[in-house]
Amino acid sequence: MKKIFKFILNTIPRPILIRLSIVVRPILAFLLKGNRFTDPIDGKSFRMFLPYGYGTQRNNVLSPSTLSLERHRLLWLYLQNETDFFQSELDTDSPISKNKRIKLRDTETSSVLKVLHFAPEQEFYKRFKKQTNIDYTTTDLLSPLADVKADICNLPFEDNAYDLILCNHVLEHIPDDTKAMQELYRVLKPGGMGIFQIPQDLKRAMTFSDDTIVDQKERAKIFGQYDHVRVYGRDYFDKLRSIGFTVIEEDYTNKIAPELVEKYCLAKGEIIPVCFK
C-alpha cells in the first residue's frame, strides 16, 4: 500500500488528485471502519489510517474519511478548543465562549469573522463554507477549490482586510517567502491572527535550501517533497517576527492527553506558529 500511495503522490498532479479523492474517500472510509483511531474533524473511527509521504512514507497519518493529516487534525483541535472560530454571534456571551483563550471576532464592529484561506484543504473547505459566522474566501494559484486565483507574493486584497488567515504548508513552495510573508502581514487586520504551518525540522537551527538539487527523487528525499524549495529550521519563527508578526510557538500536543494524541494520530511535538499583527 505504501508503494501505491507514493507512486500516486509523485505522478498525479495535485489538482487532479483533489478531484479524484472526492470519489475515493467514501470507499476508503467504508473499507477501513474500526475503533483504533479517530478523526476529530468528523468523529469517525477506523482500524487504521493510511500511509502518506512523497519521500519517506509515514504510517497511520491520512484519515480515510476527511483525508486529513496530522497537522490538519491538530489545527482543527486548536481552533475548536482555543478560539471562538466556530462560534456564532449568539454564542459570544456563553460560558463556553468566555473560556476561549483567543477571541478572533471583533464584536464591536462585526459579528462575522473575515477569513482568508490559502490552498484550502478538502477536510476544511466544505465545513468552513457552511459556517454562517464567517466570511470565508479561499485563494490559490492552481487549486480548483480557490475562489480567487492569486499569487501569494502579489495579493489582490486590500490592506488590513482579514481577521484570520490560514496559510498552511504553502510557504515552503514559494521561492521568495519573505515577500509572501510581507503580503500576509499586509492583508491581516491589526489584532488579527494568522496560522502559518510549515514542514519543519526542529533539529535544525537554520533553514536549508539548495537550488542546485534538480532531480525530483533527490529533492523528495532531502526536502520531503519534490516541489519544496527549503527545509525550515527553528529560525522560521524569528523570520516571521522580522516581518512584524508577534509569534506564539504553540506546542499544542503537550496540552492534549497522551492517549488522545495517539488516538487522533497527531505528531507529538509539532509546533503551530500562531501569529498576530
Protein backbone atom coordinates (compact mmCIF):
# COMPACT_ATOMS: atom_id res chain seq x y z
CA MET A 1 0.00 0.00 0.00
CA LYS A 2 2.88 2.37 0.80
CA LYS A 3 4.34 1.97 -2.70
CA ILE A 4 0.96 2.59 -4.32
CA PHE A 5 0.35 5.80 -2.38
CA LYS A 6 3.90 7.02 -3.00
CA PHE A 7 3.53 6.41 -6.75
CA ILE A 8 0.18 8.25 -6.86
CA LEU A 9 1.51 11.27 -4.95
CA ASN A 10 4.58 11.61 -7.14
CA THR A 11 2.93 11.11 -10.53
CA ILE A 12 -0.59 12.62 -10.47
CA PRO A 13 -0.83 16.45 -10.40
CA ARG A 14 -2.33 17.86 -7.20
CA PRO A 15 -5.45 19.45 -8.82
CA ILE A 16 -6.37 16.07 -10.33
CA LEU A 17 -5.72 14.31 -7.01
CA ILE A 18 -8.16 16.67 -5.31
CA ARG A 19 -10.91 15.78 -7.79
CA LEU A 20 -10.22 12.03 -7.64
CA SER A 21 -10.19 11.96 -3.87
CA ILE A 22 -13.82 13.12 -3.73
CA VAL A 23 -14.82 9.78 -5.28
CA VAL A 24 -12.33 7.61 -3.38
CA ARG A 25 -12.95 8.90 0.17
CA PRO A 26 -16.30 7.18 0.87
CA ILE A 27 -14.92 3.85 -0.35
CA LEU A 28 -11.82 4.06 1.86
CA ALA A 29 -13.86 5.12 4.88
CA PHE A 30 -16.17 2.12 4.48
CA LEU A 31 -13.39 -0.42 3.99
CA LEU A 32 -11.31 0.76 6.96
CA LYS A 33 -14.04 1.16 9.60
CA GLY A 34 -12.91 0.28 13.11
CA ASN A 35 -12.24 1.80 16.52
CA ARG A 36 -8.46 2.10 16.91
CA PHE A 37 -8.02 5.63 15.54
CA THR A 38 -10.45 8.58 15.37
CA ASP A 39 -10.51 11.65 13.15
CA PRO A 40 -11.58 14.55 15.42
CA ILE A 41 -12.75 16.55 12.40
CA ASP A 42 -15.73 14.29 11.64
CA GLY A 43 -15.63 11.96 14.67
CA LYS A 44 -15.35 8.79 12.58
CA SER A 45 -13.16 5.89 13.73
CA PHE A 46 -11.08 3.37 11.80
CA ARG A 47 -8.96 0.28 12.32
CA MET A 48 -6.11 2.09 10.60
CA PHE A 49 -5.22 5.36 8.92
CA LEU A 50 -3.48 5.40 5.54
CA PRO A 51 0.24 5.96 4.88
CA TYR A 52 1.42 9.22 3.35
CA GLY A 53 4.61 10.84 2.09
CA TYR A 54 6.26 11.89 -1.16
CA GLY A 55 9.62 10.57 0.01
CA THR A 56 9.60 8.57 3.23
CA GLN A 57 6.12 7.22 3.92
CA ARG A 58 4.61 7.72 7.40
CA ASN A 59 2.24 5.07 8.75
CA ASN A 60 -1.26 5.82 10.07
CA VAL A 61 -1.37 9.52 9.19
CA LEU A 62 -4.00 10.03 6.44
CA SER A 63 -7.61 9.83 7.62
CA PRO A 64 -9.75 7.70 5.26
CA SER A 65 -12.83 9.90 5.69
CA THR A 66 -11.56 13.51 5.57
CA LEU A 67 -8.08 12.83 4.12
CA SER A 68 -6.68 14.96 6.95
CA LEU A 69 -3.07 14.64 8.04
CA GLU A 70 -1.58 15.16 11.50
CA ARG A 71 -1.25 18.91 11.03
CA HIS A 72 -4.87 19.32 9.90
CA ARG A 73 -6.27 17.48 12.91
CA LEU A 74 -4.01 19.46 15.23
CA LEU A 75 -5.17 22.75 13.69
CA TRP A 76 -8.82 21.71 13.98
CA LEU A 77 -8.41 20.92 17.68
CA TYR A 78 -6.62 24.22 18.28
CA LEU A 79 -9.31 26.29 16.55
CA GLN A 80 -12.05 24.33 18.30
CA ASN A 81 -10.61 24.39 21.81
CA GLU A 82 -8.66 27.64 21.98
CA THR A 83 -10.53 30.14 19.78
CA ASP A 84 -14.06 31.33 19.03
CA PHE A 85 -13.68 30.39 15.34
CA PHE A 86 -16.67 28.03 15.33
CA GLN A 87 -18.95 30.21 17.43
CA SER A 88 -21.77 32.37 16.13
CA GLU A 89 -22.80 35.83 17.31
CA LEU A 90 -25.40 34.17 19.56
CA ASP A 91 -22.70 32.22 21.40
CA THR A 92 -20.40 35.11 22.28
CA ASP A 93 -21.76 35.51 25.83
CA SER A 94 -22.00 31.81 26.64
CA PRO A 95 -19.78 30.23 29.34
CA ILE A 96 -18.04 28.19 26.64
CA SER A 97 -17.20 31.32 24.67
CA LYS A 98 -15.84 33.08 27.73
CA ASN A 99 -13.43 30.20 28.30
CA LYS A 100 -11.87 30.57 24.86
CA ARG A 101 -8.35 31.91 25.17
CA ILE A 102 -8.26 33.73 21.81
CA LYS A 103 -11.08 35.99 20.63
CA LEU A 104 -10.88 36.31 16.85
CA ARG A 105 -14.08 38.25 16.30
CA ASP A 106 -14.30 42.00 16.86
CA THR A 107 -17.84 42.11 18.28
CA GLU A 108 -17.86 45.93 18.33
CA THR A 109 -17.51 46.28 14.57
CA SER A 110 -18.71 42.99 13.11
CA SER A 111 -20.09 39.65 14.26
CA VAL A 112 -18.84 37.95 11.09
CA LEU A 113 -15.23 36.81 11.00
CA LYS A 114 -13.39 37.59 7.75
CA VAL A 115 -11.24 34.58 6.91
CA LEU A 116 -8.70 34.14 4.11
CA HIS A 117 -7.61 30.56 3.47
CA PHE A 118 -4.68 29.74 1.17
CA ALA A 119 -4.61 26.41 -0.69
CA PRO A 120 -7.76 25.23 1.13
CA GLU A 121 -7.62 21.67 2.37
CA GLN A 122 -10.54 19.42 1.44
CA GLU A 123 -11.17 18.41 5.03
CA PHE A 124 -11.83 22.06 5.91
CA TYR A 125 -13.25 23.54 2.71
CA LYS A 126 -16.89 22.39 2.80
CA ARG A 127 -17.12 22.68 6.58
CA PHE A 128 -15.85 26.26 6.62
CA LYS A 129 -18.01 27.20 3.61
CA LYS A 130 -21.11 26.13 5.53
CA GLN A 131 -20.30 28.29 8.56
CA THR A 132 -22.62 31.30 8.71
CA ASN A 133 -20.44 33.06 11.29
CA ILE A 134 -17.54 33.64 8.90
CA ASP A 135 -16.99 35.47 5.61
CA TYR A 136 -14.80 32.82 4.00
CA THR A 137 -12.54 33.41 1.00
CA THR A 138 -10.19 30.82 -0.48
CA THR A 139 -7.20 31.60 -2.70
CA ASP A 140 -4.51 29.72 -4.59
CA LEU A 141 -2.82 29.75 -7.98
CA LEU A 142 -3.91 26.26 -9.05
CA SER A 143 -6.39 24.70 -6.63
CA PRO A 144 -9.89 24.01 -8.03
CA LEU A 145 -11.18 24.95 -4.56
CA ALA A 146 -9.89 28.54 -4.77
CA ASP A 147 -12.41 31.39 -5.01
CA VAL A 148 -9.65 33.77 -6.10
CA LYS A 149 -6.72 32.67 -8.24
CA ALA A 150 -3.81 34.72 -6.91
CA ASP A 151 -0.06 34.82 -6.36
CA ILE A 152 0.73 34.92 -2.65
CA CYS A 153 3.55 37.36 -3.41
CA ASN A 154 1.16 39.81 -5.10
CA LEU A 155 -2.25 39.50 -3.49
CA PRO A 156 -5.27 41.36 -4.94
CA PHE A 157 -6.70 42.13 -1.49
CA GLU A 158 -6.85 45.42 0.41
CA ASP A 159 -4.63 46.24 3.37
CA ASN A 160 -5.88 45.18 6.81
CA ALA A 161 -8.73 43.13 5.34
CA TYR A 162 -8.88 39.85 7.29
CA ASP A 163 -9.40 38.80 10.91
CA LEU A 164 -7.89 35.35 10.36
CA ILE A 165 -5.53 33.99 7.73
CA LEU A 166 -4.84 30.28 7.31
CA CYS A 167 -1.79 29.55 5.18
CA ASN A 168 -0.57 26.07 5.88
CA HIS A 169 2.18 24.16 4.08
CA VAL A 170 2.39 26.82 1.39
CA LEU A 171 5.49 28.91 2.19
CA GLU A 172 7.89 26.01 1.64
CA HIS A 173 6.81 26.07 -2.04
CA ILE A 174 7.47 29.80 -2.50
CA PRO A 175 10.94 30.92 -3.70
CA ASP A 176 10.52 34.43 -2.24
CA ASP A 177 8.94 33.54 1.10
CA THR A 178 9.92 36.94 2.54
CA LYS A 179 7.66 38.71 0.03
CA ALA A 180 4.89 36.19 0.73
CA MET A 181 5.14 36.84 4.48
CA GLN A 182 5.02 40.59 3.87
CA GLU A 183 1.82 40.16 1.86
CA LEU A 184 0.28 38.04 4.63
CA TYR A 185 1.14 40.79 7.10
CA ARG A 186 -0.27 43.50 4.83
CA VAL A 187 -3.73 41.95 4.40
CA LEU A 188 -4.14 40.87 8.04
CA LYS A 189 -6.08 43.29 10.23
CA PRO A 190 -4.33 44.88 13.22
CA GLY A 191 -5.05 42.50 16.09
CA GLY A 192 -5.81 39.72 13.59
CA MET A 193 -4.39 36.21 13.77
CA GLY A 194 -2.61 34.06 11.21
CA ILE A 195 -1.65 30.41 11.39
CA PHE A 196 1.19 29.61 9.01
CA GLN A 197 2.11 25.94 9.46
CA ILE A 198 5.09 24.59 7.52
CA PRO A 199 7.04 21.31 7.43
CA GLN A 200 9.79 22.00 9.94
CA ASP A 201 12.90 20.22 11.18
CA LEU A 202 13.20 21.41 14.76
CA LYS A 203 16.66 19.83 14.98
CA ARG A 204 17.91 22.42 12.50
CA ALA A 205 18.80 25.84 13.83
CA MET A 206 18.78 27.36 10.35
CA THR A 207 16.57 26.88 7.31
CA PHE A 208 18.18 24.89 4.48
CA SER A 209 17.77 25.33 0.73
CA ASP A 210 19.80 24.26 -2.30
CA ASP A 211 18.66 25.13 -5.83
CA THR A 212 21.41 23.00 -7.39
CA ILE A 213 19.46 19.83 -6.50
CA VAL A 214 17.20 19.30 -9.51
CA ASP A 215 16.44 15.57 -9.52
CA GLN A 216 12.86 15.09 -8.26
CA LYS A 217 13.62 11.91 -6.30
CA GLU A 218 16.59 13.55 -4.63
CA ARG A 219 14.55 16.65 -3.82
CA ALA A 220 11.79 14.50 -2.30
CA LYS A 221 14.40 12.70 -0.22
CA ILE A 222 16.06 15.89 1.07
CA PHE A 223 13.15 18.35 1.22
CA GLY A 224 10.34 15.92 1.96
CA GLN A 225 8.56 16.70 -1.31
CA TYR A 226 9.81 17.27 -4.85
CA ASP A 227 8.24 20.74 -5.12
CA HIS A 228 9.51 22.11 -1.80
CA VAL A 229 12.26 24.72 -2.09
CA ARG A 230 13.53 24.61 1.52
CA VAL A 231 13.50 22.82 4.85
CA TYR A 232 12.58 25.27 7.59
CA GLY A 233 14.54 25.22 10.83
CA ARG A 234 13.90 26.82 14.21
CA ASP A 235 14.74 30.23 12.70
CA TYR A 236 11.36 30.23 10.93
CA PHE A 237 9.66 31.86 13.90
CA ASP A 238 12.20 34.68 14.04
CA LYS A 239 11.79 35.30 10.33
CA LEU A 240 8.07 35.83 10.90
CA ARG A 241 8.91 38.19 13.76
CA SER A 242 11.24 40.16 11.47
CA ILE A 243 8.25 40.82 9.18
CA GLY A 244 6.38 42.37 12.12
CA PHE A 245 4.32 39.47 13.49
CA THR A 246 4.07 38.64 17.17
CA VAL A 247 4.59 34.87 17.18
CA ILE A 248 3.50 32.24 19.68
CA GLU A 249 5.29 28.91 19.20
CA GLU A 250 2.36 26.72 20.25
CA ASP A 251 3.41 23.18 21.23
CA TYR A 252 -0.20 22.13 21.32
CA THR A 253 0.21 18.35 21.55
CA ASN A 254 1.64 18.94 25.04
CA LYS A 255 -1.78 20.30 26.05
CA ILE A 256 -3.60 17.21 24.79
CA ALA A 257 -3.82 13.97 26.78
CA PRO A 258 -1.21 11.45 25.51
CA GLU A 259 -3.88 8.83 24.80
CA LEU A 260 -5.72 11.32 22.57
CA VAL A 261 -2.51 12.28 20.74
CA GLU A 262 -2.26 8.60 19.83
CA LYS A 263 -5.99 8.16 19.17
CA TYR A 264 -6.08 11.15 16.81
CA CYS A 265 -2.76 10.22 15.15
CA LEU A 266 -1.13 13.58 15.88
CA ALA A 267 2.58 14.35 15.50
CA LYS A 268 3.91 14.74 19.03
CA GLY A 269 5.88 17.98 19.40
CA GLU A 270 4.62 19.65 16.22
CA ILE A 271 4.63 23.43 16.69
CA ILE A 272 1.76 25.62 15.49
CA PRO A 273 3.03 29.10 14.51
CA VAL A 274 0.29 31.39 15.80
CA CYS A 275 0.93 34.92 14.53
CA PHE A 276 -0.64 38.24 15.48
CA LYS A 277 -0.41 41.70 13.91
